[in-house]
N, C-alpha and C. Protein backbone atom coordinates (compact mmCIF):
# COMPACT_ATOMS: atom_id res chain seq x y z
N MET A 1 11.97 26.63 -15.26
CA MET A 1 11.87 28.02 -15.62
C MET A 1 13.25 28.64 -15.53
N VAL A 2 13.63 29.37 -16.54
CA VAL A 2 14.94 30.01 -16.57
C VAL A 2 14.79 31.43 -16.04
N ARG A 3 15.65 31.78 -15.10
CA ARG A 3 15.60 33.13 -14.53
C ARG A 3 16.60 34.03 -15.24
N PRO A 4 16.27 35.32 -15.36
CA PRO A 4 17.23 36.24 -15.97
C PRO A 4 18.51 36.30 -15.15
N ARG A 5 19.60 36.60 -15.82
CA ARG A 5 20.89 36.67 -15.15
C ARG A 5 20.90 37.73 -14.06
N GLY A 6 21.49 37.43 -12.95
CA GLY A 6 21.61 38.40 -11.87
C GLY A 6 20.55 38.25 -10.79
N THR A 7 19.47 37.51 -11.05
CA THR A 7 18.45 37.31 -10.02
C THR A 7 18.64 35.93 -9.41
N THR A 8 18.32 35.84 -8.15
CA THR A 8 18.46 34.55 -7.47
C THR A 8 17.10 34.04 -7.06
N SER A 9 17.01 32.75 -6.96
CA SER A 9 15.77 32.10 -6.55
C SER A 9 15.78 31.90 -5.05
N THR A 10 14.61 31.95 -4.44
CA THR A 10 14.53 31.66 -3.02
C THR A 10 14.59 30.16 -2.78
N GLY A 11 14.34 29.38 -3.84
CA GLY A 11 14.44 27.93 -3.72
C GLY A 11 13.35 27.35 -2.84
N ARG A 12 13.52 26.10 -2.49
CA ARG A 12 12.56 25.46 -1.60
C ARG A 12 12.87 25.86 -0.18
N HIS A 13 11.85 26.21 0.55
CA HIS A 13 12.05 26.58 1.95
C HIS A 13 10.81 26.19 2.74
N ARG A 14 10.98 26.11 4.04
CA ARG A 14 9.86 25.73 4.90
C ARG A 14 8.87 26.88 4.96
N ILE A 15 7.60 26.51 5.02
CA ILE A 15 6.57 27.53 5.19
C ILE A 15 5.89 27.30 6.53
N GLU A 16 5.36 28.35 7.08
CA GLU A 16 4.70 28.26 8.38
C GLU A 16 3.40 27.48 8.22
N MET A 17 3.19 26.50 9.10
CA MET A 17 1.98 25.70 9.06
C MET A 17 0.87 26.41 9.81
N SER A 18 0.12 27.21 9.09
CA SER A 18 -1.03 27.90 9.66
C SER A 18 -2.03 28.14 8.53
N LEU A 19 -3.26 28.41 8.92
CA LEU A 19 -4.32 28.64 7.94
C LEU A 19 -3.98 29.86 7.10
N ARG A 20 -4.09 29.70 5.78
CA ARG A 20 -3.83 30.81 4.86
C ARG A 20 -4.97 31.82 4.99
N PRO A 21 -4.65 33.11 5.23
CA PRO A 21 -5.72 34.10 5.40
C PRO A 21 -6.45 34.42 4.09
N ASP A 22 -5.74 34.35 2.97
CA ASP A 22 -6.33 34.68 1.68
C ASP A 22 -7.02 33.45 1.09
N LYS A 23 -8.30 33.59 0.73
CA LYS A 23 -9.07 32.45 0.23
C LYS A 23 -8.46 31.89 -1.06
N ASN A 24 -8.03 32.76 -1.96
CA ASN A 24 -7.43 32.32 -3.22
C ASN A 24 -6.15 31.53 -2.95
N SER A 25 -5.33 32.02 -2.04
CA SER A 25 -4.09 31.34 -1.66
C SER A 25 -4.40 29.97 -1.06
N ARG A 26 -5.45 29.90 -0.23
CA ARG A 26 -5.86 28.62 0.36
C ARG A 26 -6.27 27.63 -0.72
N GLN A 27 -7.01 28.11 -1.73
CA GLN A 27 -7.47 27.23 -2.80
C GLN A 27 -6.29 26.69 -3.61
N VAL A 28 -5.33 27.57 -3.92
CA VAL A 28 -4.14 27.14 -4.67
C VAL A 28 -3.35 26.12 -3.86
N THR A 29 -3.15 26.41 -2.57
CA THR A 29 -2.42 25.49 -1.69
C THR A 29 -3.14 24.16 -1.60
N PHE A 30 -4.47 24.20 -1.45
CA PHE A 30 -5.25 22.96 -1.37
C PHE A 30 -5.07 22.13 -2.63
N SER A 31 -5.18 22.77 -3.79
CA SER A 31 -5.07 22.03 -5.06
C SER A 31 -3.70 21.40 -5.22
N LYS A 32 -2.64 22.17 -4.93
CA LYS A 32 -1.29 21.64 -5.09
C LYS A 32 -0.99 20.53 -4.09
N ARG A 33 -1.37 20.74 -2.84
CA ARG A 33 -1.11 19.73 -1.81
C ARG A 33 -1.94 18.48 -2.05
N ARG A 34 -3.18 18.65 -2.51
CA ARG A 34 -4.03 17.48 -2.82
C ARG A 34 -3.39 16.67 -3.94
N ALA A 35 -2.90 17.35 -4.97
CA ALA A 35 -2.25 16.65 -6.07
C ALA A 35 -1.02 15.90 -5.57
N GLY A 36 -0.24 16.53 -4.70
CA GLY A 36 0.94 15.88 -4.13
C GLY A 36 0.57 14.67 -3.28
N LEU A 37 -0.49 14.81 -2.48
CA LEU A 37 -0.95 13.70 -1.64
C LEU A 37 -1.39 12.53 -2.51
N PHE A 38 -2.17 12.82 -3.55
CA PHE A 38 -2.64 11.75 -4.43
C PHE A 38 -1.47 11.09 -5.16
N LYS A 39 -0.47 11.88 -5.54
CA LYS A 39 0.69 11.31 -6.22
C LYS A 39 1.44 10.36 -5.29
N LYS A 40 1.65 10.78 -4.04
CA LYS A 40 2.34 9.92 -3.07
C LYS A 40 1.54 8.64 -2.81
N CYS A 41 0.22 8.76 -2.70
CA CYS A 41 -0.61 7.57 -2.47
C CYS A 41 -0.53 6.62 -3.66
N SER A 42 -0.54 7.16 -4.87
CA SER A 42 -0.42 6.32 -6.07
C SER A 42 0.93 5.61 -6.08
N GLU A 43 1.99 6.34 -5.73
CA GLU A 43 3.32 5.73 -5.70
C GLU A 43 3.37 4.61 -4.66
N LEU A 44 2.78 4.84 -3.50
CA LEU A 44 2.74 3.82 -2.46
C LEU A 44 2.03 2.56 -2.96
N ALA A 45 0.91 2.76 -3.64
CA ALA A 45 0.16 1.62 -4.17
C ALA A 45 0.96 0.88 -5.23
N ILE A 46 1.64 1.61 -6.11
CA ILE A 46 2.40 0.98 -7.19
C ILE A 46 3.64 0.28 -6.66
N LEU A 47 4.41 0.97 -5.81
CA LEU A 47 5.67 0.42 -5.33
C LEU A 47 5.50 -0.72 -4.33
N CYS A 48 4.47 -0.64 -3.50
CA CYS A 48 4.33 -1.61 -2.42
C CYS A 48 3.13 -2.55 -2.59
N GLY A 49 2.32 -2.31 -3.60
CA GLY A 49 1.14 -3.13 -3.79
C GLY A 49 0.09 -2.90 -2.71
N ALA A 50 0.16 -1.74 -2.07
CA ALA A 50 -0.78 -1.43 -0.99
C ALA A 50 -2.13 -1.03 -1.56
N ARG A 51 -3.17 -1.31 -0.80
CA ARG A 51 -4.50 -0.82 -1.16
C ARG A 51 -4.66 0.52 -0.48
N VAL A 52 -4.96 1.53 -1.26
CA VAL A 52 -5.01 2.89 -0.75
C VAL A 52 -6.37 3.51 -1.08
N ALA A 53 -6.96 4.17 -0.10
CA ALA A 53 -8.19 4.94 -0.31
C ALA A 53 -8.03 6.26 0.42
N VAL A 54 -8.17 7.36 -0.32
CA VAL A 54 -8.03 8.69 0.28
C VAL A 54 -9.21 9.53 -0.19
N VAL A 55 -9.86 10.20 0.76
CA VAL A 55 -10.92 11.14 0.43
C VAL A 55 -10.55 12.47 1.08
N VAL A 56 -10.55 13.53 0.28
CA VAL A 56 -10.23 14.86 0.78
C VAL A 56 -11.42 15.76 0.48
N PHE A 57 -11.88 16.50 1.49
CA PHE A 57 -12.99 17.42 1.30
C PHE A 57 -12.45 18.84 1.28
N SER A 58 -12.83 19.58 0.24
CA SER A 58 -12.38 20.96 0.11
C SER A 58 -13.16 21.85 1.07
N GLU A 59 -12.73 23.09 1.15
CA GLU A 59 -13.40 24.07 2.00
C GLU A 59 -14.84 24.28 1.55
N ALA A 60 -15.07 24.12 0.25
CA ALA A 60 -16.42 24.27 -0.31
C ALA A 60 -17.27 23.02 -0.11
N GLY A 61 -16.67 21.95 0.42
CA GLY A 61 -17.41 20.73 0.68
C GLY A 61 -17.36 19.73 -0.45
N ASN A 62 -16.55 19.99 -1.47
CA ASN A 62 -16.41 19.05 -2.58
C ASN A 62 -15.51 17.90 -2.15
N ALA A 63 -15.87 16.69 -2.55
CA ALA A 63 -15.09 15.50 -2.21
C ALA A 63 -14.17 15.14 -3.37
N PHE A 64 -12.92 14.84 -3.05
CA PHE A 64 -11.95 14.37 -4.03
C PHE A 64 -11.44 13.03 -3.51
N ALA A 65 -11.53 12.01 -4.34
CA ALA A 65 -11.20 10.66 -3.88
C ALA A 65 -10.19 10.00 -4.80
N LEU A 66 -9.35 9.18 -4.19
CA LEU A 66 -8.40 8.35 -4.93
C LEU A 66 -8.41 6.98 -4.28
N GLY A 67 -8.46 5.96 -5.11
CA GLY A 67 -8.41 4.61 -4.59
C GLY A 67 -7.58 3.73 -5.50
N SER A 68 -6.85 2.81 -4.90
CA SER A 68 -6.07 1.88 -5.70
C SER A 68 -6.31 0.48 -5.17
N PRO A 69 -6.88 -0.44 -5.90
CA PRO A 69 -7.16 -0.39 -7.32
C PRO A 69 -8.34 0.53 -7.66
N SER A 70 -9.32 0.66 -6.79
CA SER A 70 -10.40 1.64 -6.93
C SER A 70 -10.93 1.93 -5.54
N MET A 71 -11.60 3.07 -5.40
CA MET A 71 -12.15 3.44 -4.10
C MET A 71 -13.15 2.39 -3.63
N GLU A 72 -14.02 1.94 -4.54
CA GLU A 72 -15.03 0.96 -4.19
C GLU A 72 -14.40 -0.35 -3.73
N ALA A 73 -13.34 -0.79 -4.42
CA ALA A 73 -12.69 -2.05 -4.06
C ALA A 73 -12.07 -1.97 -2.67
N VAL A 74 -11.43 -0.88 -2.36
CA VAL A 74 -10.79 -0.74 -1.04
C VAL A 74 -11.84 -0.65 0.06
N LEU A 75 -12.88 0.16 -0.16
CA LEU A 75 -13.92 0.29 0.86
C LEU A 75 -14.66 -1.02 1.05
N HIS A 76 -14.93 -1.73 -0.04
CA HIS A 76 -15.62 -3.02 0.06
C HIS A 76 -14.75 -4.03 0.83
N ARG A 77 -13.45 -3.98 0.63
CA ARG A 77 -12.52 -4.90 1.29
C ARG A 77 -12.59 -4.77 2.80
N PHE A 78 -12.76 -3.55 3.29
CA PHE A 78 -12.74 -3.32 4.74
C PHE A 78 -14.13 -3.08 5.33
N LYS A 79 -15.15 -3.13 4.50
CA LYS A 79 -16.52 -2.87 4.97
C LYS A 79 -16.95 -3.86 6.05
N ASP A 80 -16.72 -5.14 5.80
CA ASP A 80 -17.16 -6.18 6.73
C ASP A 80 -16.03 -6.72 7.60
N ALA A 81 -14.93 -5.98 7.70
CA ALA A 81 -13.80 -6.44 8.50
C ALA A 81 -14.20 -6.48 9.98
N ALA A 82 -13.73 -7.50 10.65
CA ALA A 82 -14.01 -7.62 12.08
C ALA A 82 -13.24 -6.55 12.84
N PRO A 83 -13.86 -5.98 13.87
CA PRO A 83 -13.16 -4.95 14.65
C PRO A 83 -11.89 -5.52 15.30
N VAL A 84 -10.88 -4.70 15.34
CA VAL A 84 -9.63 -5.10 15.99
C VAL A 84 -9.84 -5.04 17.49
N PRO A 85 -9.44 -6.07 18.23
CA PRO A 85 -9.63 -6.02 19.69
C PRO A 85 -8.86 -4.84 20.29
N ALA A 86 -9.52 -4.14 21.18
CA ALA A 86 -8.92 -2.95 21.79
C ALA A 86 -8.40 -3.29 23.18
N ALA A 87 -7.43 -2.50 23.63
CA ALA A 87 -6.83 -2.73 24.94
C ALA A 87 -7.78 -2.32 26.06
N ASP A 88 -8.52 -1.25 25.86
CA ASP A 88 -9.47 -0.81 26.89
C ASP A 88 -10.67 -0.14 26.21
N ASP A 89 -11.62 0.31 27.04
CA ASP A 89 -12.84 0.89 26.49
C ASP A 89 -12.57 2.18 25.71
N GLY A 90 -11.60 2.95 26.13
CA GLY A 90 -11.26 4.18 25.41
C GLY A 90 -10.79 3.88 23.99
N ASP A 91 -9.93 2.86 23.86
CA ASP A 91 -9.47 2.45 22.53
C ASP A 91 -10.62 1.89 21.70
N ARG A 92 -11.47 1.12 22.37
CA ARG A 92 -12.60 0.52 21.66
C ARG A 92 -13.53 1.62 21.13
N GLU A 93 -13.79 2.63 21.95
CA GLU A 93 -14.65 3.74 21.50
C GLU A 93 -13.99 4.49 20.34
N ALA A 94 -12.69 4.65 20.42
CA ALA A 94 -11.99 5.33 19.32
C ALA A 94 -12.08 4.52 18.03
N LEU A 95 -11.95 3.20 18.14
CA LEU A 95 -12.06 2.35 16.96
C LEU A 95 -13.48 2.38 16.39
N GLU A 96 -14.48 2.32 17.28
CA GLU A 96 -15.86 2.37 16.81
C GLU A 96 -16.14 3.70 16.10
N GLU A 97 -15.59 4.77 16.65
CA GLU A 97 -15.76 6.09 16.01
C GLU A 97 -15.08 6.10 14.65
N MET A 98 -13.91 5.47 14.56
CA MET A 98 -13.20 5.39 13.29
C MET A 98 -14.03 4.62 12.27
N TYR A 99 -14.63 3.50 12.67
CA TYR A 99 -15.47 2.71 11.76
C TYR A 99 -16.69 3.51 11.31
N ARG A 100 -17.32 4.24 12.26
CA ARG A 100 -18.48 5.06 11.90
C ARG A 100 -18.07 6.15 10.91
N ALA A 101 -16.92 6.77 11.15
CA ALA A 101 -16.44 7.80 10.23
C ALA A 101 -16.14 7.21 8.85
N ARG A 102 -15.58 6.00 8.82
CA ARG A 102 -15.27 5.36 7.54
C ARG A 102 -16.56 5.07 6.78
N GLU A 103 -17.59 4.59 7.48
CA GLU A 103 -18.86 4.31 6.83
C GLU A 103 -19.50 5.60 6.32
N ALA A 104 -19.41 6.68 7.12
CA ALA A 104 -19.96 7.96 6.68
C ALA A 104 -19.22 8.47 5.45
N THR A 105 -17.90 8.28 5.43
CA THR A 105 -17.10 8.70 4.29
C THR A 105 -17.48 7.90 3.06
N ALA A 106 -17.68 6.60 3.22
CA ALA A 106 -18.09 5.76 2.09
C ALA A 106 -19.43 6.22 1.54
N GLU A 107 -20.35 6.58 2.44
CA GLU A 107 -21.66 7.07 2.00
C GLU A 107 -21.51 8.40 1.27
N GLN A 108 -20.64 9.30 1.77
CA GLN A 108 -20.42 10.58 1.10
C GLN A 108 -19.80 10.38 -0.27
N VAL A 109 -18.85 9.47 -0.37
CA VAL A 109 -18.21 9.19 -1.66
C VAL A 109 -19.25 8.64 -2.63
N ALA A 110 -20.07 7.71 -2.16
CA ALA A 110 -21.10 7.12 -3.02
C ALA A 110 -22.08 8.18 -3.49
N SER A 111 -22.50 9.07 -2.59
CA SER A 111 -23.44 10.12 -3.00
C SER A 111 -22.78 11.12 -3.95
N GLU A 112 -21.49 11.41 -3.75
CA GLU A 112 -20.78 12.31 -4.65
C GLU A 112 -20.64 11.68 -6.04
N ILE A 113 -20.34 10.39 -6.08
CA ILE A 113 -20.25 9.69 -7.37
C ILE A 113 -21.61 9.73 -8.07
N LYS A 114 -22.67 9.48 -7.31
CA LYS A 114 -24.02 9.50 -7.88
C LYS A 114 -24.36 10.90 -8.40
N ARG A 115 -24.02 11.93 -7.62
CA ARG A 115 -24.30 13.32 -8.02
C ARG A 115 -23.53 13.69 -9.29
N MET A 116 -22.23 13.35 -9.32
CA MET A 116 -21.42 13.70 -10.49
C MET A 116 -21.87 12.92 -11.73
N THR A 117 -22.29 11.67 -11.55
CA THR A 117 -22.81 10.89 -12.67
C THR A 117 -24.08 11.53 -13.21
N SER A 118 -24.94 11.97 -12.30
CA SER A 118 -26.19 12.63 -12.71
C SER A 118 -25.90 13.91 -13.47
N ILE A 119 -24.94 14.70 -12.97
CA ILE A 119 -24.56 15.94 -13.66
C ILE A 119 -24.00 15.61 -15.04
N GLY A 120 -23.14 14.60 -15.11
CA GLY A 120 -22.58 14.19 -16.40
C GLY A 120 -23.65 13.76 -17.37
N ASP A 121 -24.63 12.99 -16.89
CA ASP A 121 -25.73 12.55 -17.75
C ASP A 121 -26.53 13.74 -18.27
N THR A 122 -26.77 14.72 -17.39
CA THR A 122 -27.53 15.91 -17.80
C THR A 122 -26.75 16.70 -18.85
N VAL A 123 -25.45 16.84 -18.65
CA VAL A 123 -24.63 17.57 -19.63
C VAL A 123 -24.62 16.82 -20.96
N VAL A 124 -24.53 15.49 -20.91
CA VAL A 124 -24.55 14.70 -22.15
C VAL A 124 -25.88 14.89 -22.87
N LYS A 125 -26.99 14.88 -22.13
CA LYS A 125 -28.30 15.11 -22.76
C LYS A 125 -28.38 16.51 -23.36
N ALA A 126 -27.83 17.51 -22.64
CA ALA A 126 -27.86 18.88 -23.14
C ALA A 126 -26.98 19.06 -24.37
N GLN A 127 -26.03 18.17 -24.54
CA GLN A 127 -25.08 18.25 -25.65
C GLN A 127 -25.63 17.60 -26.93
N MET A 128 -26.71 16.85 -26.82
CA MET A 128 -27.24 16.09 -27.95
C MET A 128 -27.23 16.93 -29.23
N GLY A 129 -26.65 16.37 -30.27
CA GLY A 129 -26.62 17.04 -31.57
C GLY A 129 -25.51 18.06 -31.71
N ARG A 130 -24.70 18.23 -30.70
CA ARG A 130 -23.61 19.18 -30.77
C ARG A 130 -22.29 18.42 -30.81
N ARG A 131 -21.27 19.08 -31.30
CA ARG A 131 -19.99 18.40 -31.49
C ARG A 131 -19.17 18.34 -30.20
N HIS A 132 -19.21 19.40 -29.39
CA HIS A 132 -18.37 19.48 -28.19
C HIS A 132 -19.24 19.69 -26.95
N TRP A 133 -18.74 19.25 -25.79
CA TRP A 133 -19.53 19.37 -24.57
C TRP A 133 -19.77 20.82 -24.18
N TRP A 134 -18.87 21.74 -24.54
CA TRP A 134 -19.06 23.14 -24.13
C TRP A 134 -20.10 23.84 -24.99
N GLU A 135 -20.59 23.17 -26.04
CA GLU A 135 -21.66 23.73 -26.86
C GLU A 135 -23.03 23.30 -26.33
N ALA A 136 -23.06 22.70 -25.17
CA ALA A 136 -24.31 22.16 -24.61
C ALA A 136 -25.35 23.26 -24.44
N ASP A 137 -26.61 22.85 -24.52
CA ASP A 137 -27.73 23.76 -24.33
C ASP A 137 -27.81 24.10 -22.85
N VAL A 138 -27.39 25.31 -22.50
CA VAL A 138 -27.30 25.71 -21.09
C VAL A 138 -28.68 25.73 -20.44
N GLU A 139 -29.72 26.04 -21.21
CA GLU A 139 -31.07 26.07 -20.64
C GLU A 139 -31.51 24.69 -20.16
N ALA A 140 -30.95 23.64 -20.74
CA ALA A 140 -31.33 22.27 -20.34
C ALA A 140 -30.69 21.86 -19.02
N LEU A 141 -29.68 22.63 -18.56
CA LEU A 141 -29.02 22.30 -17.30
C LEU A 141 -29.83 22.84 -16.14
N GLY A 142 -29.86 22.11 -15.05
CA GLY A 142 -30.59 22.55 -13.86
C GLY A 142 -29.71 23.39 -12.97
N GLU A 143 -30.26 23.80 -11.83
CA GLU A 143 -29.53 24.65 -10.90
C GLU A 143 -28.31 23.93 -10.33
N ALA A 144 -28.37 22.62 -10.16
CA ALA A 144 -27.24 21.88 -9.60
C ALA A 144 -26.12 21.72 -10.62
N GLU A 145 -26.47 21.57 -11.90
CA GLU A 145 -25.46 21.31 -12.92
C GLU A 145 -24.77 22.57 -13.39
N LEU A 146 -25.48 23.70 -13.39
CA LEU A 146 -24.92 24.92 -13.95
C LEU A 146 -23.64 25.39 -13.28
N PRO A 147 -23.54 25.40 -11.93
CA PRO A 147 -22.27 25.80 -11.31
C PRO A 147 -21.12 24.86 -11.68
N GLU A 148 -21.39 23.55 -11.74
CA GLU A 148 -20.34 22.59 -12.14
C GLU A 148 -19.89 22.87 -13.56
N PHE A 149 -20.84 23.14 -14.45
CA PHE A 149 -20.54 23.43 -15.85
C PHE A 149 -19.72 24.72 -15.94
N ALA A 150 -20.09 25.74 -15.16
CA ALA A 150 -19.37 27.01 -15.17
C ALA A 150 -17.94 26.82 -14.66
N ARG A 151 -17.75 26.00 -13.61
CA ARG A 151 -16.40 25.75 -13.10
C ARG A 151 -15.56 25.02 -14.14
N ALA A 152 -16.17 24.08 -14.85
CA ALA A 152 -15.44 23.36 -15.89
C ALA A 152 -15.01 24.32 -17.00
N LEU A 153 -15.89 25.24 -17.37
CA LEU A 153 -15.54 26.24 -18.39
C LEU A 153 -14.42 27.16 -17.90
N ASP A 154 -14.49 27.56 -16.63
CA ASP A 154 -13.43 28.41 -16.07
C ASP A 154 -12.09 27.69 -16.09
N ARG A 155 -12.07 26.41 -15.73
CA ARG A 155 -10.82 25.64 -15.77
C ARG A 155 -10.31 25.53 -17.20
N LEU A 156 -11.22 25.32 -18.15
CA LEU A 156 -10.84 25.23 -19.55
C LEU A 156 -10.23 26.56 -20.02
N ARG A 157 -10.88 27.68 -19.66
CA ARG A 157 -10.35 29.00 -20.04
C ARG A 157 -8.96 29.22 -19.44
N ALA A 158 -8.78 28.87 -18.19
CA ALA A 158 -7.49 29.06 -17.53
C ALA A 158 -6.41 28.22 -18.21
N ASN A 159 -6.74 26.99 -18.56
CA ASN A 159 -5.77 26.12 -19.25
C ASN A 159 -5.41 26.68 -20.62
N VAL A 160 -6.41 27.16 -21.35
CA VAL A 160 -6.15 27.72 -22.67
C VAL A 160 -5.27 28.97 -22.55
N ARG A 161 -5.58 29.84 -21.57
CA ARG A 161 -4.75 31.04 -21.36
C ARG A 161 -3.31 30.66 -21.02
N ARG A 162 -3.16 29.70 -20.12
CA ARG A 162 -1.81 29.28 -19.71
C ARG A 162 -1.03 28.73 -20.89
N HIS A 163 -1.65 27.91 -21.70
CA HIS A 163 -0.96 27.35 -22.87
C HIS A 163 -0.67 28.42 -23.92
N ALA A 164 -1.60 29.35 -24.09
CA ALA A 164 -1.38 30.45 -25.04
C ALA A 164 -0.23 31.33 -24.59
N ASP A 165 -0.16 31.60 -23.28
CA ASP A 165 0.95 32.41 -22.75
C ASP A 165 2.28 31.71 -22.95
N LYS A 166 2.31 30.38 -22.78
CA LYS A 166 3.55 29.63 -23.01
C LYS A 166 3.98 29.73 -24.46
N LEU A 167 3.01 29.66 -25.38
CA LEU A 167 3.33 29.73 -26.79
C LEU A 167 3.83 31.12 -27.19
N ARG A 168 3.30 32.15 -26.55
CA ARG A 168 3.72 33.52 -26.87
C ARG A 168 5.13 33.83 -26.36
N SER A 169 5.50 33.24 -25.24
CA SER A 169 6.82 33.57 -24.67
C SER A 169 7.94 32.71 -25.19
């Protein structure tokens, strides 16, 4: 971005690590940081050949997952792994808790994949005979699919506005 002459940029600077009070600001920060985290994980997988699985849950409870080569492949690889011997009972309990959390996360990811697939199937059925997905028969969508469909439309509108503004300037 080019700045007008005479103005200076604040540049990159450290920000205070605390919860953002504004919900909109929190959402923007979450989206940007999540994208950065996923980018770094992808780079790690590409550069080092590491198997990476990351699941991030938003404030709204939505799950965002990244896996290399895939989330299922990484989780399957470690599903039946033997527990690492612990130095004492405290470490052993911590490891067992970590394994339980990993299994719970795998179950949440699987249920989220199933839910999103179901929503996608419903949208595809509602689209029958139409040229574009946004022309789908809204009455055919259920209560679970309608909010997802509305969010997708909002993202589409925001992208179109952003691109239109770029073209105008």
